[in-house]
PDB file of all heavy atoms in Angstrom:
ATOM      1  N   ILE A   1      -6.341  58.320 -32.830  1.00  0.00           N
ATOM      2  CA  ILE A   1      -5.890  56.952 -33.175  1.00  0.00           C
ATOM      3  C   ILE A   1      -4.792  57.036 -34.218  1.00  0.00           C
ATOM      4  O   ILE A   1      -3.772  56.360 -34.117  1.00  0.00           O
ATOM      5  CB  ILE A   1      -7.080  56.104 -33.657  1.00  0.00           C
ATOM      6  CG1 ILE A   1      -8.060  55.894 -32.498  1.00  0.00           C
ATOM      7  CG2 ILE A   1      -6.612  54.779 -34.237  1.00  0.00           C
ATOM      8  CD1 ILE A   1      -9.384  55.270 -32.902  1.00  0.00           C
ATOM      9  N   LEU A   2      -4.985  57.853 -35.249  1.00  0.00           N
ATOM     10  CA  LEU A   2      -3.967  57.995 -36.298  1.00  0.00           C
ATOM     11  C   LEU A   2      -2.677  58.563 -35.719  1.00  0.00           C
ATOM     12  O   LEU A   2      -1.581  58.102 -36.065  1.00  0.00           O
ATOM     13  CB  LEU A   2      -4.510  58.939 -37.391  1.00  0.00           C
ATOM     14  CG  LEU A   2      -3.684  59.049 -38.659  1.00  0.00           C
ATOM     15  CD1 LEU A   2      -3.500  57.674 -39.310  1.00  0.00           C
ATOM     16  CD2 LEU A   2      -4.318  60.012 -39.618  1.00  0.00           C
ATOM     17  N   ALA A   3      -2.802  59.525 -34.828  1.00  0.00           N
ATOM     18  CA  ALA A   3      -1.611  60.118 -34.217  1.00  0.00           C
ATOM     19  C   ALA A   3      -0.849  59.109 -33.369  1.00  0.00           C
ATOM     20  O   ALA A   3       0.370  59.225 -33.195  1.00  0.00           O
ATOM     21  CB  ALA A   3      -2.002  61.316 -33.367  1.00  0.00           C
ATOM     22  N   MET A   4      -1.509  58.124 -32.861  1.00  0.00           N
ATOM     23  CA  MET A   4      -0.845  57.100 -32.038  1.00  0.00           C
ATOM     24  C   MET A   4      -0.318  55.956 -32.894  1.00  0.00           C
ATOM     25  O   MET A   4       0.746  55.400 -32.614  1.00  0.00           O
ATOM     26  CB  MET A   4      -1.834  56.556 -30.993  1.00  0.00           C
ATOM     27  CG  MET A   4      -2.289  57.583 -29.984  1.00  0.00           C
ATOM     28  SD  MET A   4      -0.924  58.340 -29.092  1.00  0.00           S
ATOM     29  CE  MET A   4      -0.314  56.980 -28.173  1.00  0.00           C
ATOM     30  N   VAL A   5      -1.035  55.589 -33.937  1.00  0.00           N
ATOM     31  CA  VAL A   5      -0.669  54.422 -34.758  1.00  0.00           C
ATOM     32  C   VAL A   5       0.512  54.722 -35.683  1.00  0.00           C
ATOM     33  O   VAL A   5       1.423  53.910 -35.817  1.00  0.00           O
ATOM     34  CB  VAL A   5      -1.887  53.910 -35.562  1.00  0.00           C
ATOM     35  CG1 VAL A   5      -1.483  52.855 -36.561  1.00  0.00           C
ATOM     36  CG2 VAL A   5      -2.953  53.368 -34.613  1.00  0.00           C
ATOM     37  N   VAL A   6       0.537  55.882 -36.320  1.00  0.00           N
ATOM     38  CA  VAL A   6       1.579  56.204 -37.306  1.00  0.00           C
ATOM     39  C   VAL A   6       2.969  56.193 -36.671  1.00  0.00           C
ATOM     40  O   VAL A   6       3.876  55.523 -37.190  1.00  0.00           O
ATOM     41  CB  VAL A   6       1.279  57.526 -38.024  1.00  0.00           C
ATOM     42  CG1 VAL A   6       2.467  57.976 -38.855  1.00  0.00           C
ATOM     43  CG2 VAL A   6       0.041  57.373 -38.898  1.00  0.00           C
ATOM     44  N   PRO A   7       3.198  56.871 -35.551  1.00  0.00           N
ATOM     45  CA  PRO A   7       4.551  56.825 -34.963  1.00  0.00           C
ATOM     46  C   PRO A   7       4.977  55.406 -34.563  1.00  0.00           C
ATOM     47  O   PRO A   7       6.134  55.033 -34.716  1.00  0.00           O
ATOM     48  CB  PRO A   7       4.463  57.727 -33.735  1.00  0.00           C
ATOM     49  CG  PRO A   7       3.309  58.629 -34.024  1.00  0.00           C
ATOM     50  CD  PRO A   7       2.368  57.834 -34.841  1.00  0.00           C
ATOM     51  N   VAL A   8       4.037  54.600 -34.065  1.00  0.00           N
ATOM     52  CA  VAL A   8       4.370  53.231 -33.679  1.00  0.00           C
ATOM     53  C   VAL A   8       4.736  52.415 -34.901  1.00  0.00           C
ATOM     54  O   VAL A   8       5.714  51.648 -34.895  1.00  0.00           O
ATOM     55  CB  VAL A   8       3.198  52.584 -32.894  1.00  0.00           C
ATOM     56  CG1 VAL A   8       3.432  51.118 -32.670  1.00  0.00           C
ATOM     57  CG2 VAL A   8       2.972  53.316 -31.587  1.00  0.00           C
ATOM     58  N   ALA A   9       4.026  52.597 -35.998  1.00  0.00           N
ATOM     59  CA  ALA A   9       4.328  51.868 -37.228  1.00  0.00           C
ATOM     60  C   ALA A   9       5.683  52.273 -37.783  1.00  0.00           C
ATOM     61  O   ALA A   9       6.475  51.428 -38.212  1.00  0.00           O
ATOM     62  CB  ALA A   9       3.232  52.126 -38.269  1.00  0.00           C
ATOM     63  N   VAL A  10       5.987  53.576 -37.774  1.00  0.00           N
ATOM     64  CA  VAL A  10       7.290  54.051 -38.248  1.00  0.00           C
ATOM     65  C   VAL A  10       8.399  53.489 -37.376  1.00  0.00           C
ATOM     66  O   VAL A  10       9.432  53.025 -37.877  1.00  0.00           O
ATOM     67  CB  VAL A  10       7.327  55.593 -38.283  1.00  0.00           C
ATOM     68  CG1 VAL A  10       8.730  56.092 -38.529  1.00  0.00           C
ATOM     69  CG2 VAL A  10       6.371  56.115 -39.340  1.00  0.00           C
ATOM     70  N   LEU A  11       8.216  53.507 -36.084  1.00  0.00           N
ATOM     71  CA  LEU A  11       9.204  52.953 -35.161  1.00  0.00           C
ATOM     72  C   LEU A  11       9.424  51.468 -35.405  1.00  0.00           C
ATOM     73  O   LEU A  11      10.553  51.001 -35.447  1.00  0.00           O
ATOM     74  CB  LEU A  11       8.774  53.197 -33.712  1.00  0.00           C
ATOM     75  CG  LEU A  11       9.743  52.719 -32.647  1.00  0.00           C
ATOM     76  CD1 LEU A  11      11.070  53.455 -32.765  1.00  0.00           C
ATOM     77  CD2 LEU A  11       9.153  52.926 -31.264  1.00  0.00           C
ATOM     78  N   ALA A  12       8.359  50.741 -35.626  1.00  0.00           N
ATOM     79  CA  ALA A  12       8.489  49.305 -35.889  1.00  0.00           C
ATOM     80  C   ALA A  12       9.244  49.035 -37.178  1.00  0.00           C
ATOM     81  O   ALA A  12      10.095  48.153 -37.240  1.00  0.00           O
ATOM     82  CB  ALA A  12       7.089  48.668 -35.945  1.00  0.00           C
ATOM     83  N   LEU A  13       8.968  49.824 -38.200  1.00  0.00           N
ATOM     84  CA  LEU A  13       9.670  49.626 -39.481  1.00  0.00           C
ATOM     85  C   LEU A  13      11.143  49.999 -39.373  1.00  0.00           C
ATOM     86  O   LEU A  13      12.001  49.268 -39.861  1.00  0.00           O
ATOM     87  CB  LEU A  13       9.020  50.485 -40.577  1.00  0.00           C
ATOM     88  CG  LEU A  13       7.680  49.996 -41.084  1.00  0.00           C
ATOM     89  CD1 LEU A  13       7.075  51.024 -42.044  1.00  0.00           C
ATOM     90  CD2 LEU A  13       7.824  48.650 -41.803  1.00  0.00           C
ATOM     91  N   THR A  14      11.444  51.119 -38.731  1.00  0.00           N
ATOM     92  CA  THR A  14      12.847  51.532 -38.665  1.00  0.00           C
ATOM     93  C   THR A  14      13.664  50.674 -37.718  1.00  0.00           C
ATOM     94  O   THR A  14      14.847  50.469 -37.939  1.00  0.00           O
ATOM     95  CB  THR A  14      12.966  53.010 -38.250  1.00  0.00           C
ATOM     96  OG1 THR A  14      12.319  53.195 -37.001  1.00  0.00           O
ATOM     97  CG2 THR A  14      12.388  53.940 -39.291  1.00  0.00           C
ATOM     98  N   SER A  15      13.046  50.144 -36.694  1.00  0.00           N
ATOM     99  CA  SER A  15      13.805  49.308 -35.777  1.00  0.00           C
ATOM    100  C   SER A  15      14.109  47.938 -36.375  1.00  0.00           C
ATOM    101  O   SER A  15      15.018  47.252 -35.926  1.00  0.00           O
ATOM    102  CB  SER A  15      13.078  49.164 -34.435  1.00  0.00           C
ATOM    103  OG  SER A  15      11.860  48.486 -34.626  1.00  0.00           O
ATOM    104  N   SER A  16      13.359  47.547 -37.396  1.00  0.00           N
ATOM    105  CA  SER A  16      13.633  46.265 -38.032  1.00  0.00           C
ATOM    106  C   SER A  16      14.762  46.361 -39.036  1.00  0.00           C
ATOM    107  O   SER A  16      15.288  45.363 -39.487  1.00  0.00           O
ATOM    108  CB  SER A  16      12.361  45.712 -38.691  1.00  0.00           C
ATOM    109  OG  SER A  16      12.009  46.538 -39.777  1.00  0.00           O
ATOM    110  N   ILE A  17      15.143  47.597 -39.418  1.00  0.00           N
ATOM    111  CA  ILE A  17      16.281  47.790 -40.327  1.00  0.00           C
ATOM    112  C   ILE A  17      17.533  47.915 -39.474  1.00  0.00           C
ATOM    113  O   ILE A  17      17.663  48.809 -38.678  1.00  0.00           O
ATOM    114  CB  ILE A  17      16.089  49.031 -41.201  1.00  0.00           C
ATOM    115  CG1 ILE A  17      14.836  48.895 -42.045  1.00  0.00           C
ATOM    116  CG2 ILE A  17      17.316  49.265 -42.077  1.00  0.00           C
ATOM    117  CD1 ILE A  17      14.473  50.143 -42.819  1.00  0.00           C
ATOM    118  N   ASP A  18      18.442  47.045 -39.663  1.00  0.00           N
ATOM    119  CA  ASP A  18      19.664  46.975 -38.872  1.00  0.00           C
ATOM    120  C   ASP A  18      20.842  47.364 -39.781  1.00  0.00           C
ATOM    121  O   ASP A  18      20.864  47.009 -40.956  1.00  0.00           O
ATOM    122  CB  ASP A  18      19.808  45.544 -38.339  1.00  0.00           C
ATOM    123  CG  ASP A  18      21.006  45.355 -37.451  1.00  0.00           C
ATOM    124  OD1 ASP A  18      21.982  46.118 -37.571  1.00  0.00           O
ATOM    125  OD2 ASP A  18      20.977  44.440 -36.638  1.00  0.00           O
ATOM    126  N   ALA A  19      21.809  48.051 -39.233  1.00  0.00           N
ATOM    127  CA  ALA A  19      22.993  48.438 -40.002  1.00  0.00           C
ATOM    128  C   ALA A  19      23.710  47.232 -40.565  1.00  0.00           C
ATOM    129  O   ALA A  19      24.407  47.325 -41.577  1.00  0.00           O
ATOM    130  CB  ALA A  19      23.926  49.270 -39.143  1.00  0.00           C
ATOM    131  N   ALA A  20      23.565  46.109 -39.934  1.00  0.00           N
ATOM    132  CA  ALA A  20      24.240  44.887 -40.393  1.00  0.00           C
ATOM    133  C   ALA A  20      23.395  44.126 -41.396  1.00  0.00           C
ATOM    134  O   ALA A  20      23.781  43.048 -41.841  1.00  0.00           O
ATOM    135  CB  ALA A  20      24.559  43.992 -39.193  1.00  0.00           C
ATOM    136  N   SER A  21      22.238  44.631 -41.772  1.00  0.00           N
ATOM    137  CA  SER A  21      21.362  43.958 -42.721  1.00  0.00           C
ATOM    138  C   SER A  21      22.074  43.868 -44.059  1.00  0.00           C
ATOM    139  O   SER A  21      22.819  44.746 -44.453  1.00  0.00           O
ATOM    140  CB  SER A  21      20.066  44.731 -42.906  1.00  0.00           C
ATOM    141  OG  SER A  21      19.330  44.746 -41.707  1.00  0.00           O
ATOM    142  N   PRO A  22      21.817  42.778 -44.776  1.00  0.00           N
ATOM    143  CA  PRO A  22      22.422  42.617 -46.103  1.00  0.00           C
ATOM    144  C   PRO A  22      22.013  43.773 -47.027  1.00  0.00           C
ATOM    145  O   PRO A  22      20.882  44.216 -47.009  1.00  0.00           O
ATOM    146  CB  PRO A  22      21.839  41.299 -46.598  1.00  0.00           C
ATOM    147  CG  PRO A  22      21.283  40.611 -45.413  1.00  0.00           C
ATOM    148  CD  PRO A  22      20.972  41.666 -44.409  1.00  0.00           C
ATOM    149  N   GLY A  23      22.964  44.259 -47.783  1.00  0.00           N
ATOM    150  CA  GLY A  23      22.678  45.323 -48.732  1.00  0.00           C
ATOM    151  C   GLY A  23      22.862  46.718 -48.173  1.00  0.00           C
ATOM    152  O   GLY A  23      22.810  47.687 -48.915  1.00  0.00           O
ATOM    153  N   ILE A  24      23.051  46.835 -46.862  1.00  0.00           N
ATOM    154  CA  ILE A  24      23.276  48.157 -46.266  1.00  0.00           C
ATOM    155  C   ILE A  24      24.700  48.196 -45.751  1.00  0.00           C
ATOM    156  O   ILE A  24      25.085  47.369 -44.948  1.00  0.00           O
ATOM    157  CB  ILE A  24      22.287  48.431 -45.114  1.00  0.00           C
ATOM    158  CG1 ILE A  24      20.852  48.471 -45.651  1.00  0.00           C
ATOM    159  CG2 ILE A  24      22.642  49.735 -44.434  1.00  0.00           C
ATOM    160  CD1 ILE A  24      19.818  48.686 -44.586  1.00  0.00           C
ATOM    161  N   ALA A  25      25.434  49.175 -46.241  1.00  0.00           N
ATOM    162  CA  ALA A  25      26.824  49.319 -45.798  1.00  0.00           C
ATOM    163  C   ALA A  25      27.093  50.788 -45.548  1.00  0.00           C
ATOM    164  O   ALA A  25      26.755  51.636 -46.358  1.00  0.00           O
ATOM    165  CB  ALA A  25      27.780  48.774 -46.844  1.00  0.00           C
ATOM    166  N   PHE A  26      27.675  51.075 -44.429  1.00  0.00           N
ATOM    167  CA  PHE A  26      28.063  52.425 -44.097  1.00  0.00           C
ATOM    168  C   PHE A  26      29.540  52.588 -44.384  1.00  0.00           C
ATOM    169  O   PHE A  26      30.336  51.706 -44.121  1.00  0.00           O
ATOM    170  CB  PHE A  26      27.776  52.738 -42.619  1.00  0.00           C
ATOM    171  CG  PHE A  26      26.310  52.764 -42.323  1.00  0.00           C
ATOM    172  CD1 PHE A  26      25.666  51.661 -41.799  1.00  0.00           C
ATOM    173  CD2 PHE A  26      25.566  53.906 -42.573  1.00  0.00           C
ATOM    174  CE1 PHE A  26      24.316  51.679 -41.530  1.00  0.00           C
ATOM    175  CE2 PHE A  26      24.223  53.955 -42.294  1.00  0.00           C
ATOM    176  CZ  PHE A  26      23.589  52.836 -41.781  1.00  0.00           C
ATOM    177  N   LYS A  27      29.880  53.700 -44.963  1.00  0.00           N
ATOM    178  CA  LYS A  27      31.260  53.941 -45.347  1.00  0.00           C
ATOM    179  C   LYS A  27      31.648  55.363 -44.937  1.00  0.00           C
ATOM    180  O   LYS A  27      30.908  56.308 -45.194  1.00  0.00           O
ATOM    181  CB  LYS A  27      31.365  53.776 -46.858  1.00  0.00           C
ATOM    182  CG  LYS A  27      32.723  54.019 -47.441  1.00  0.00           C
ATOM    183  CD  LYS A  27      32.678  53.805 -48.949  1.00  0.00           C
ATOM    184  CE  LYS A  27      33.695  54.667 -49.609  1.00  0.00           C
ATOM    185  NZ  LYS A  27      33.595  54.632 -51.056  1.00  0.00           N
ATOM    186  N   SER A  28      32.788  55.510 -44.321  1.00  0.00           N
ATOM    187  CA  SER A  28      33.281  56.842 -43.964  1.00  0.00           C
ATOM    188  C   SER A  28      33.822  57.532 -45.199  1.00  0.00           C
ATOM    189  O   SER A  28      34.424  56.898 -46.063  1.00  0.00           O
ATOM    190  CB  SER A  28      34.412  56.731 -42.919  1.00  0.00           C
ATOM    191  OG  SER A  28      33.911  56.236 -41.721  1.00  0.00           O
ATOM    192  N   VAL A  29      33.563  58.797 -45.281  1.00  0.00           N
ATOM    193  CA  VAL A  29      34.083  59.590 -46.386  1.00  0.00           C
ATOM    194  C   VAL A  29      34.749  60.843 -45.842  1.00  0.00           C
ATOM    195  O   VAL A  29      34.477  61.267 -44.725  1.00  0.00           O
ATOM    196  CB  VAL A  29      32.972  59.980 -47.385  1.00  0.00           C
ATOM    197  CG1 VAL A  29      32.357  58.765 -48.035  1.00  0.00           C
ATOM    198  CG2 VAL A  29      31.915  60.827 -46.722  1.00  0.00           C
ATOM    199  N   THR A  30      35.611  61.406 -46.617  1.00  0.00           N
ATOM    200  CA  THR A  30      36.259  62.645 -46.274  1.00  0.00           C
ATOM    201  C   THR A  30      35.851  63.686 -47.315  1.00  0.00           C
ATOM    202  O   THR A  30      35.870  63.401 -48.513  1.00  0.00           O
ATOM    203  CB  THR A  30      37.789  62.488 -46.280  1.00  0.00           C
ATOM    204  OG1 THR A  30      38.143  61.480 -45.338  1.00  0.00           O
ATOM    205  CG2 THR A  30      38.473  63.773 -45.927  1.00  0.00           C
ATOM    206  N   VAL A  31      35.477  64.852 -46.848  1.00  0.00           N
ATOM    207  CA  VAL A  31      35.089  65.918 -47.749  1.00  0.00           C
ATOM    208  C   VAL A  31      36.011  67.104 -47.497  1.00  0.00           C
ATOM    209  O   VAL A  31      36.158  67.546 -46.353  1.00  0.00           O
ATOM    210  CB  VAL A  31      33.616  66.334 -47.495  1.00  0.00           C
ATOM    211  CG1 VAL A  31      33.235  67.514 -48.368  1.00  0.00           C
ATOM    212  CG2 VAL A  31      32.688  65.169 -47.701  1.00  0.00           C
TER     213      VAL A  31
END
């Protein structure tokens, strides 16, 4: 049960974070 629930919970949390969400900005850098 734990092996099935944890990945689903992580997937649900990460899929709710969108790159366009306020406070998250991606920026290209050169190194």
